[in-house]
Amino acid sequence: MPLWSLHGDGRTVARGAVVAPDERLNWSATIAMGLQHVVAMFGATFLVPTLTGFPVSTTLLFSGLGTLLFLLITRNRLPSYLGSSFAFIAPLQAATATNGMGSALAGIVAVGVLLALIGFVVNVLGVGWVDKAMPPVLAGTIVALIGFNLAPAAWGSVQAGADGAIVTLIAIILCSVLFKGFLGRISIFVGVLIGFVYEAATGYFGEANAQGVTPADTIADAAWFGPPTFAFPDFVSPSTWALLPMFLPVVLVLIAENVGHVRGVATMTDGRLNRETGRALIADGAATALAGTFGGSGTTTYGENIGVMAATRVYSTAVYWVAGLTAILLAFSPKIGAVFNSIPPGVLGGATTALYGLIGVIGVKIWVDNRSDFSRPVNQYTAGVALVIAIANYTMQWGDFQLAGIALGTIAAFAIYHLGNLLARATKNGADDGGPIPAVGPLGGDPQD
């Protein structure tokens, strides 16, 4: 029996119909759509390693491998592309600056293992307990605080090149506002490209560093073909274990993203796909742990690719096999990595000003879409206290062990929400039942979703 049955005549999709995960169009159309998914994911996927100092080629490799692993673990039933998650940026930057890449990679592996374990539990018990543990008020707060915690990093990049930042930011906003289709969905990528061209035209790539090497020299000297570079996690250093707690909130974001992705695809194709939720969590956890083991960034389901599926009505997993294999092939071009690594800091500053702000707004959107009741004091303090802790980057330290803004904000949000509701029930003042976990747009995916 073939993996995919041919949909209709293999060329067209009837009005109101969709190409199901176990169907495909003809192979020429399938390959073309797979390449379109690569273009859609590329902008956000390369930004994460660029911002965190990770090798771009290595991240691309494990993005592709992670996608194929996801398809295998979900039994080829759930279409998804796994790209770099922006939820990792803040802890990765902090861990790398404090203790080096080895500790940062250890954090990625820890997140992946924990997410996979949660997936096994969901596979046995169902997703209902996740809904209760992390309702919209909490989910929105956690997503928002991660985005707003990154604001100082964006400002630091802007200061390194204000002109490029302004050009990039304006281009992103105009592209997003003027184009509602595919171009609108890749507005970050288009904005960075325009900023890149502006910096090239104003001489940035001819400016030599202290060693007399220009960015143009670096790109020209890079080989067209070659293997990615690998790095490995450091679980030996005691300071690594002190840094791991700040990675834990990322798990909560990945849960929300994967649950939302499964529900979105199930709604558009087959409601029975909701049964794959546990496997989706296991798969993303395994892909994230694999990436962290060899030097890649953590992964998540991608909003850009969800948007492409919604626009084309093609949910075939065959398309994602093409996309994953293409990403793997691109990873073996050092020149592509050199181009991305040469993006001027100002351009990144403009992009991250938009991106980090929109990550925060996604959290606000979760509250709005789920009609979170902020007339209740417990909800007000859950969001308000956690956001201030994250934005100001409150830090607590005991010897080598440290909790910073994201981890402390998440702990505060959980404690205030659940203890507050527990007290409300005990005193018969009512409590928020929270409602179901929202369909969150993936961080590192399209901020518009």
Protein backbone atom coordinates (compact mmCIF):
# COMPACT_ATOMS: atom_id res chain seq x y z
CA MET A 1 0.00 0.00 0.00
CA PRO A 2 1.49 3.42 -0.95
CA LEU A 3 2.30 5.96 1.74
CA TRP A 4 0.10 8.56 0.03
CA SER A 5 -2.89 8.17 -2.26
CA LEU A 6 -3.22 10.59 -5.17
CA HIS A 7 -5.65 13.43 -4.49
CA GLY A 8 -8.14 13.83 -7.35
CA ASP A 9 -6.36 14.36 -10.65
CA GLY A 10 -3.10 15.10 -8.83
CA ARG A 11 -2.99 18.67 -10.07
CA THR A 12 -5.85 20.65 -8.52
CA VAL A 13 -7.71 20.95 -5.22
CA ALA A 14 -11.48 21.37 -5.52
CA ARG A 15 -13.17 24.34 -3.86
CA GLY A 16 -13.80 23.55 -0.19
CA ALA A 17 -11.59 20.42 -0.27
CA VAL A 18 -8.17 19.84 1.30
CA VAL A 19 -5.33 17.48 0.47
CA ALA A 20 -5.24 15.26 3.56
CA PRO A 21 -2.01 14.21 5.30
CA ASP A 22 -2.18 10.74 3.71
CA GLU A 23 -2.75 12.19 0.21
CA ARG A 24 -0.53 14.03 -2.24
CA LEU A 25 -0.63 15.88 -5.52
CA ASN A 26 1.63 14.78 -8.39
CA TRP A 27 5.32 14.76 -7.53
CA SER A 28 6.22 17.91 -9.44
CA ALA A 29 3.59 19.88 -7.47
CA THR A 30 4.61 18.16 -4.23
CA ILE A 31 8.28 19.05 -4.71
CA ALA A 32 7.42 22.65 -5.60
CA MET A 33 5.31 22.98 -2.44
CA GLY A 34 8.07 21.42 -0.37
CA LEU A 35 10.49 24.07 -1.63
CA GLN A 36 7.92 26.75 -0.80
CA HIS A 37 7.84 25.49 2.79
CA VAL A 38 11.65 25.78 2.93
CA VAL A 39 11.43 29.42 1.83
CA ALA A 40 8.69 30.04 4.40
CA MET A 41 10.68 28.65 7.33
CA PHE A 42 14.06 30.01 6.30
CA GLY A 43 13.76 33.55 7.59
CA ALA A 44 12.98 32.71 11.20
CA THR A 45 15.10 29.56 11.34
CA PHE A 46 18.34 31.34 10.43
CA LEU A 47 17.68 34.22 12.85
CA VAL A 48 17.92 32.04 15.96
CA PRO A 49 21.49 30.78 15.36
CA THR A 50 22.51 34.21 14.08
CA LEU A 51 21.31 35.86 17.29
CA THR A 52 22.74 33.24 19.62
CA GLY A 53 26.07 32.59 17.90
CA PHE A 54 25.20 29.03 16.87
CA PRO A 55 26.32 27.67 13.46
CA VAL A 56 23.61 28.35 10.88
CA SER A 57 24.40 25.24 8.83
CA THR A 58 24.19 22.98 11.88
CA THR A 59 20.84 24.44 12.86
CA LEU A 60 19.52 23.93 9.32
CA LEU A 61 20.72 20.32 9.36
CA PHE A 62 18.91 19.46 12.58
CA SER A 63 15.87 21.42 11.51
CA GLY A 64 15.59 19.12 8.51
CA LEU A 65 16.44 15.98 10.46
CA GLY A 66 14.03 17.01 13.22
CA THR A 67 11.23 17.39 10.68
CA LEU A 68 11.83 13.89 9.32
CA LEU A 69 12.01 12.49 12.87
CA PHE A 70 8.72 14.24 13.70
CA LEU A 71 7.04 12.62 10.70
CA LEU A 72 8.33 9.18 11.68
CA ILE A 73 7.28 9.41 15.34
CA THR A 74 3.81 10.74 14.44
CA ARG A 75 3.47 7.81 12.01
CA ASN A 76 3.41 10.08 8.95
CA ARG A 77 -0.02 11.36 10.01
CA LEU A 78 0.76 14.90 11.19
CA PRO A 79 2.21 17.49 8.76
CA SER A 80 4.67 19.86 10.42
CA TYR A 81 7.98 21.60 9.85
CA LEU A 82 10.26 21.90 12.89
CA GLY A 83 12.24 25.14 12.79
CA SER A 84 14.28 27.02 15.40
CA SER A 85 12.22 28.16 18.38
CA PHE A 86 12.57 31.79 19.48
CA ALA A 87 11.58 30.72 22.98
CA PHE A 88 15.17 29.52 23.41
CA ILE A 89 16.86 32.83 22.57
CA ALA A 90 16.96 34.46 26.00
CA PRO A 91 18.28 31.44 27.95
CA LEU A 92 20.71 30.59 25.14
CA GLN A 93 22.16 34.09 25.11
CA ALA A 94 22.47 34.13 28.89
CA ALA A 95 23.98 30.64 29.13
CA THR A 96 26.46 31.24 26.29
CA ALA A 97 27.60 34.56 27.75
CA THR A 98 27.93 33.13 31.26
CA ASN A 99 29.32 29.66 30.69
CA GLY A 100 29.83 28.99 26.97
CA MET A 101 28.03 27.06 24.28
CA GLY A 102 28.40 23.71 26.04
CA SER A 103 26.11 24.81 28.85
CA ALA A 104 23.64 26.31 26.38
CA LEU A 105 23.48 23.02 24.49
CA ALA A 106 22.93 21.17 27.75
CA GLY A 107 19.91 23.39 28.34
CA ILE A 108 18.51 22.51 24.91
CA VAL A 109 18.95 18.79 25.58
CA ALA A 110 17.28 19.10 28.99
CA VAL A 111 14.27 20.87 27.45
CA GLY A 112 13.98 18.19 24.77
CA VAL A 113 14.12 15.31 27.23
CA LEU A 114 11.54 16.91 29.54
CA LEU A 115 9.21 17.68 26.63
CA ALA A 116 9.43 14.09 25.41
CA LEU A 117 8.66 12.77 28.91
CA ILE A 118 5.62 15.03 29.09
CA GLY A 119 4.61 13.68 25.69
CA PHE A 120 4.68 10.13 27.04
CA VAL A 121 2.42 11.19 29.92
CA VAL A 122 0.00 12.93 27.54
CA ASN A 123 -0.01 9.83 25.36
CA VAL A 124 -1.20 7.79 28.36
CA LEU A 125 -3.42 10.25 30.24
CA GLY A 126 -4.62 12.62 27.51
CA VAL A 127 -4.14 16.37 27.17
CA GLY A 128 -6.80 17.48 29.67
CA TRP A 129 -4.40 17.83 32.58
CA VAL A 130 -2.24 20.20 30.49
CA ASP A 131 -5.29 22.39 29.92
CA LYS A 132 -5.82 22.66 33.66
CA ALA A 133 -2.17 23.22 34.53
CA MET A 134 -1.62 25.95 31.92
CA PRO A 135 -4.85 27.77 31.00
CA PRO A 136 -4.86 30.86 28.72
CA VAL A 137 -4.04 33.38 31.48
CA LEU A 138 -0.85 31.47 32.27
CA ALA A 139 0.02 30.55 28.68
CA GLY A 140 -0.36 34.15 27.54
CA THR A 141 1.73 35.45 30.41
CA ILE A 142 4.58 33.01 29.77
CA VAL A 143 4.69 33.74 26.04
CA ALA A 144 4.55 37.51 26.65
CA LEU A 145 7.26 37.59 29.30
CA ILE A 146 9.69 35.68 27.07
CA GLY A 147 9.26 38.23 24.29
CA PHE A 148 9.51 41.31 26.49
CA ASN A 149 12.50 39.95 28.41
CA LEU A 150 14.45 40.11 25.15
CA ALA A 151 13.95 43.86 24.63
CA PRO A 152 17.41 44.89 25.94
CA ALA A 153 19.08 42.48 23.51
CA ALA A 154 17.26 44.12 20.60
CA TRP A 155 18.33 47.59 21.79
CA GLY A 156 21.95 46.49 22.03
CA SER A 157 21.90 45.41 18.37
CA VAL A 158 20.18 48.63 17.28
CA GLN A 159 22.92 50.68 18.94
CA ALA A 160 25.49 48.86 16.80
CA GLY A 161 23.91 50.18 13.59
CA ALA A 162 20.90 52.46 13.91
CA ASP A 163 20.58 53.28 10.18
CA GLY A 164 20.36 49.62 9.17
CA ALA A 165 17.98 48.93 12.04
CA ILE A 166 15.59 51.69 10.97
CA VAL A 167 15.59 50.59 7.31
CA THR A 168 15.01 46.97 8.30
CA LEU A 169 12.23 47.76 10.76
CA ILE A 170 10.38 50.01 8.30
CA ALA A 171 10.68 47.36 5.58
CA ILE A 172 9.28 44.67 7.89
CA ILE A 173 6.32 46.80 8.92
CA LEU A 174 5.50 47.90 5.36
CA CYS A 175 5.77 44.36 4.01
CA SER A 176 3.55 43.01 6.77
CA VAL A 177 0.93 45.76 6.33
CA LEU A 178 0.88 45.94 2.53
CA PHE A 179 1.00 42.23 1.74
CA LYS A 180 -1.45 39.80 3.32
CA GLY A 181 -0.44 36.66 1.43
CA PHE A 182 2.83 34.77 1.32
CA LEU A 183 5.00 37.92 1.27
CA GLY A 184 3.25 39.15 4.40
CA ARG A 185 4.05 35.90 6.14
CA ILE A 186 7.76 36.19 5.39
CA SER A 187 7.92 39.92 6.22
CA ILE A 188 10.79 39.38 8.70
CA PHE A 189 12.84 37.63 6.04
CA VAL A 190 12.06 40.31 3.42
CA GLY A 191 12.92 43.09 5.88
CA VAL A 192 16.27 41.51 6.72
CA LEU A 193 17.01 41.09 3.01
CA ILE A 194 16.27 44.77 2.36
CA GLY A 195 18.39 45.82 5.34
CA PHE A 196 21.18 43.55 4.08
CA VAL A 197 21.09 45.19 0.65
CA TYR A 198 21.05 48.68 2.23
CA GLU A 199 24.13 47.89 4.34
CA ALA A 200 25.89 46.44 1.29
CA ALA A 201 25.14 49.60 -0.70
CA THR A 202 26.50 51.84 2.08
CA GLY A 203 29.80 49.98 2.38
CA TYR A 204 29.36 47.72 5.42
CA PHE A 205 30.74 44.63 3.68
CA GLY A 206 33.94 46.40 2.74
CA GLU A 207 34.78 47.41 6.31
CA ALA A 208 37.70 45.39 7.68
CA ASN A 209 37.89 44.12 11.25
CA ALA A 210 40.96 44.23 13.49
CA GLN A 211 42.48 41.36 11.51
CA GLY A 212 41.99 43.17 8.21
CA VAL A 213 39.23 40.81 7.05
CA THR A 214 35.99 42.19 5.60
CA PRO A 215 32.58 40.42 5.66
CA ALA A 216 32.84 40.22 1.87
CA ASP A 217 36.15 38.36 2.22
CA THR A 218 34.61 35.88 4.63
CA ILE A 219 31.72 35.12 2.27
CA ALA A 220 34.02 34.84 -0.75
CA ASP A 221 36.41 32.47 1.03
CA ALA A 222 33.67 30.11 2.25
CA ALA A 223 33.32 26.87 0.28
CA TRP A 224 30.13 26.11 -1.58
CA PHE A 225 30.06 22.58 -0.18
CA GLY A 226 31.24 21.17 3.12
CA PRO A 227 29.99 19.51 6.32
CA PRO A 228 28.38 21.50 9.14
CA THR A 229 30.36 22.09 12.31
CA PHE A 230 29.32 20.23 15.45
CA ALA A 231 29.48 21.08 19.14
CA PHE A 232 28.50 19.07 22.19
CA PRO A 233 26.71 19.77 25.49
CA ASP A 234 28.61 20.19 28.73
CA PHE A 235 26.89 18.35 31.57
CA VAL A 236 30.10 18.04 33.59
CA SER A 237 30.53 21.64 34.70
CA PRO A 238 28.67 22.38 37.97
CA SER A 239 27.75 25.83 36.66
CA THR A 240 25.81 24.17 33.83
CA TRP A 241 23.34 22.69 36.31
CA ALA A 242 22.89 26.11 37.87
CA LEU A 243 21.82 27.48 34.48
CA LEU A 244 19.30 24.76 33.59
CA PRO A 245 16.32 26.23 35.53
CA MET A 246 16.11 29.23 33.22
CA PHE A 247 15.44 26.85 30.31
CA LEU A 248 12.41 25.22 31.97
CA PRO A 249 9.83 27.88 30.93
CA VAL A 250 10.67 27.07 27.31
CA VAL A 251 9.05 23.65 27.83
CA LEU A 252 5.73 25.33 28.61
CA VAL A 253 5.87 27.35 25.40
CA LEU A 254 6.71 24.27 23.31
CA ILE A 255 3.77 22.40 24.85
CA ALA A 256 1.39 25.23 23.93
CA GLU A 257 2.79 25.43 20.40
CA ASN A 258 2.55 21.71 19.71
CA VAL A 259 -0.92 21.32 21.21
CA GLY A 260 -2.11 24.33 19.21
CA HIS A 261 -0.54 22.95 16.03
CA VAL A 262 -2.21 19.55 16.39
CA ARG A 263 -5.59 21.11 17.08
CA GLY A 264 -5.27 23.46 14.12
CA VAL A 265 -4.40 20.68 11.66
CA ALA A 266 -7.08 18.38 13.11
CA THR A 267 -9.70 21.08 12.68
CA MET A 268 -8.81 21.52 9.01
CA THR A 269 -8.39 17.83 8.14
CA ASP A 270 -9.46 15.07 10.54
CA GLY A 271 -10.48 15.44 14.18
CA ARG A 272 -8.92 12.08 14.98
CA LEU A 273 -5.49 13.67 14.61
CA ASN A 274 -5.94 15.12 18.13
CA ARG A 275 -4.93 11.64 19.28
CA GLU A 276 -1.43 12.41 17.97
CA THR A 277 -0.85 15.17 20.55
CA GLY A 278 1.32 13.01 22.80
CA ARG A 279 3.36 11.77 19.86
CA ALA A 280 3.82 15.34 18.63
CA LEU A 281 5.28 16.34 22.01
CA ILE A 282 7.53 13.27 22.04
CA ALA A 283 8.68 14.02 18.50
CA ASP A 284 9.48 17.68 19.13
CA GLY A 285 11.25 16.71 22.35
CA ALA A 286 13.33 14.09 20.56
CA ALA A 287 14.18 16.52 17.74
CA THR A 288 15.18 19.22 20.23
CA ALA A 289 17.35 16.83 22.25
CA LEU A 290 19.00 15.56 19.06
CA ALA A 291 19.78 19.09 17.90
CA GLY A 292 21.22 20.08 21.29
CA THR A 293 23.41 16.97 21.38
CA PHE A 294 25.30 18.01 18.25
CA GLY A 295 25.22 21.82 18.28
CA GLY A 296 21.86 22.84 16.80
CA SER A 297 19.08 25.04 18.16
CA GLY A 298 15.92 23.70 19.80
CA THR A 299 12.96 23.12 17.49
CA THR A 300 9.24 23.80 17.37
CA THR A 301 6.32 23.62 14.94
CA TYR A 302 6.32 26.63 12.63
CA GLY A 303 3.64 29.24 12.06
CA GLU A 304 4.85 30.17 8.58
CA ASN A 305 4.36 26.60 7.43
CA ILE A 306 0.96 26.35 9.08
CA GLY A 307 0.06 29.49 7.15
CA VAL A 308 1.25 27.98 3.87
CA MET A 309 -0.90 24.90 4.49
CA ALA A 310 -3.94 27.05 5.24
CA ALA A 311 -3.36 29.11 2.09
CA THR A 312 -2.78 26.15 -0.25
CA ARG A 313 -5.13 23.67 1.52
CA VAL A 314 -2.41 21.05 1.05
CA TYR A 315 -1.72 19.17 4.31
CA SER A 316 0.17 16.28 2.72
CA THR A 317 3.05 14.94 4.78
CA ALA A 318 4.83 14.18 1.48
CA VAL A 319 5.43 17.93 1.13
CA TYR A 320 7.24 17.97 4.47
CA TRP A 321 9.48 15.07 3.53
CA VAL A 322 10.60 17.19 0.57
CA ALA A 323 11.08 20.25 2.81
CA GLY A 324 13.08 18.33 5.43
CA LEU A 325 15.37 16.73 2.85
CA THR A 326 15.94 20.11 1.16
CA ALA A 327 16.95 21.73 4.46
CA ILE A 328 19.44 18.91 5.06
CA LEU A 329 21.02 19.50 1.62
CA LEU A 330 21.27 23.27 2.24
CA ALA A 331 23.07 22.58 5.52
CA PHE A 332 26.06 21.29 3.56
CA SER A 333 26.88 24.71 2.08
CA PRO A 334 29.27 26.74 4.29
CA LYS A 335 28.80 29.72 1.96
CA ILE A 336 25.13 29.96 2.94
CA GLY A 337 26.16 29.93 6.59
CA ALA A 338 28.78 32.63 5.94
CA VAL A 339 26.18 34.89 4.31
CA PHE A 340 23.86 34.61 7.29
CA ASN A 341 26.66 35.05 9.81
CA SER A 342 27.66 38.29 8.07
CA ILE A 343 24.28 40.00 8.59
CA PRO A 344 25.07 43.42 10.13
CA PRO A 345 24.14 43.91 13.82
CA GLY A 346 21.93 46.88 12.97
CA VAL A 347 19.85 44.78 10.58
CA LEU A 348 19.38 42.17 13.29
CA GLY A 349 18.46 44.94 15.71
CA GLY A 350 15.66 46.13 13.45
CA ALA A 351 14.38 42.60 12.94
CA THR A 352 14.48 41.69 16.62
CA THR A 353 12.76 44.92 17.65
CA ALA A 354 9.78 43.76 15.60
CA LEU A 355 10.11 40.08 16.40
CA TYR A 356 10.52 40.27 20.17
CA GLY A 357 7.69 42.76 20.44
CA LEU A 358 5.40 40.51 18.41
CA ILE A 359 6.29 37.51 20.56
CA GLY A 360 5.06 39.53 23.53
CA VAL A 361 1.92 40.52 21.65
CA ILE A 362 1.19 36.87 20.87
CA GLY A 363 0.84 36.39 24.62
CA VAL A 364 -1.58 39.32 24.77
CA LYS A 365 -3.50 37.83 21.83
CA ILE A 366 -3.93 34.60 23.79
CA TRP A 367 -5.65 36.59 26.55
CA VAL A 368 -7.86 38.42 24.07
CA ASP A 369 -8.83 35.36 22.02
CA ASN A 370 -9.74 33.42 25.15
CA ARG A 371 -11.45 36.39 26.83
CA SER A 372 -9.32 36.14 29.95
CA ASP A 373 -11.06 37.92 32.82
CA PHE A 374 -8.72 40.64 34.08
CA SER A 375 -11.31 42.01 36.47
CA ARG A 376 -10.21 39.17 38.77
CA PRO A 377 -7.28 40.18 41.02
CA VAL A 378 -5.62 36.77 40.73
CA ASN A 379 -5.39 37.16 36.94
CA GLN A 380 -4.20 40.75 37.21
CA TYR A 381 -1.35 39.82 39.55
CA THR A 382 -0.48 36.65 37.64
CA ALA A 383 0.25 38.69 34.52
CA GLY A 384 1.40 41.96 36.09
CA VAL A 385 3.95 40.62 38.55
CA ALA A 386 5.39 38.06 36.12
CA LEU A 387 5.82 40.63 33.34
CA VAL A 388 7.60 43.14 35.56
CA ILE A 389 9.96 40.43 36.83
CA ALA A 390 10.79 39.38 33.25
CA ILE A 391 11.10 42.87 31.74
CA ALA A 392 13.36 44.10 34.54
CA ASN A 393 15.16 40.73 34.48
CA TYR A 394 14.99 40.17 38.25
CA THR A 395 17.75 37.80 39.34
CA MET A 396 18.20 35.63 42.41
CA GLN A 397 21.44 33.79 43.08
CA TRP A 398 22.62 31.23 45.62
CA GLY A 399 26.30 30.50 45.02
CA ASP A 400 26.57 29.21 41.43
CA PHE A 401 22.82 28.64 41.18
CA GLN A 402 20.89 31.46 39.53
CA LEU A 403 17.30 32.19 38.54
CA ALA A 404 16.81 35.09 36.12
CA GLY A 405 13.84 36.98 34.68
CA ILE A 406 12.17 34.33 32.54
CA ALA A 407 12.45 31.53 35.11
CA LEU A 408 11.47 33.76 38.03
CA GLY A 409 8.59 35.29 36.08
CA THR A 410 7.26 31.86 35.14
CA ILE A 411 7.53 30.59 38.72
CA ALA A 412 5.74 33.70 39.96
CA ALA A 413 2.96 33.31 37.38
CA PHE A 414 2.31 29.67 38.30
CA ALA A 415 2.46 30.34 42.04
CA ILE A 416 0.15 33.37 41.97
CA TYR A 417 -2.37 31.79 39.61
CA HIS A 418 -2.72 28.35 41.18
CA LEU A 419 -2.33 29.38 44.83
CA GLY A 420 -4.64 32.33 44.27
CA ASN A 421 -7.34 30.13 42.78
CA LEU A 422 -6.84 27.56 45.52
CA LEU A 423 -7.44 30.24 48.15
CA ALA A 424 -10.43 31.54 46.20
CA ARG A 425 -12.01 28.10 46.23
CA ALA A 426 -11.24 27.62 49.92
CA THR A 427 -12.91 30.92 50.77
CA LYS A 428 -15.74 30.31 48.27
CA ASN A 429 -14.91 33.45 46.29
CA GLY A 430 -14.87 31.52 43.03
CA ALA A 431 -11.96 30.56 40.83
CA ASP A 432 -11.05 30.78 37.20
CA ASP A 433 -11.47 27.48 35.39
CA GLY A 434 -9.02 28.78 32.80
CA GLY A 435 -10.54 27.20 29.71
CA PRO A 436 -8.64 25.13 27.16
CA ILE A 437 -5.04 25.71 26.22
CA PRO A 438 -4.90 28.08 23.22
CA ALA A 439 -3.66 27.37 19.72
CA VAL A 440 -0.49 29.41 20.10
CA GLY A 441 1.42 30.54 17.02
CA PRO A 442 4.91 29.04 17.21
CA LEU A 443 7.68 31.29 18.50
CA GLY A 444 10.19 31.52 15.79
CA GLY A 445 7.30 31.06 13.44
CA ASP A 446 5.09 33.75 11.95
CA PRO A 447 4.29 36.36 14.61
CA GLN A 448 1.04 37.14 12.79
CA ASP A 449 -0.42 33.69 13.44
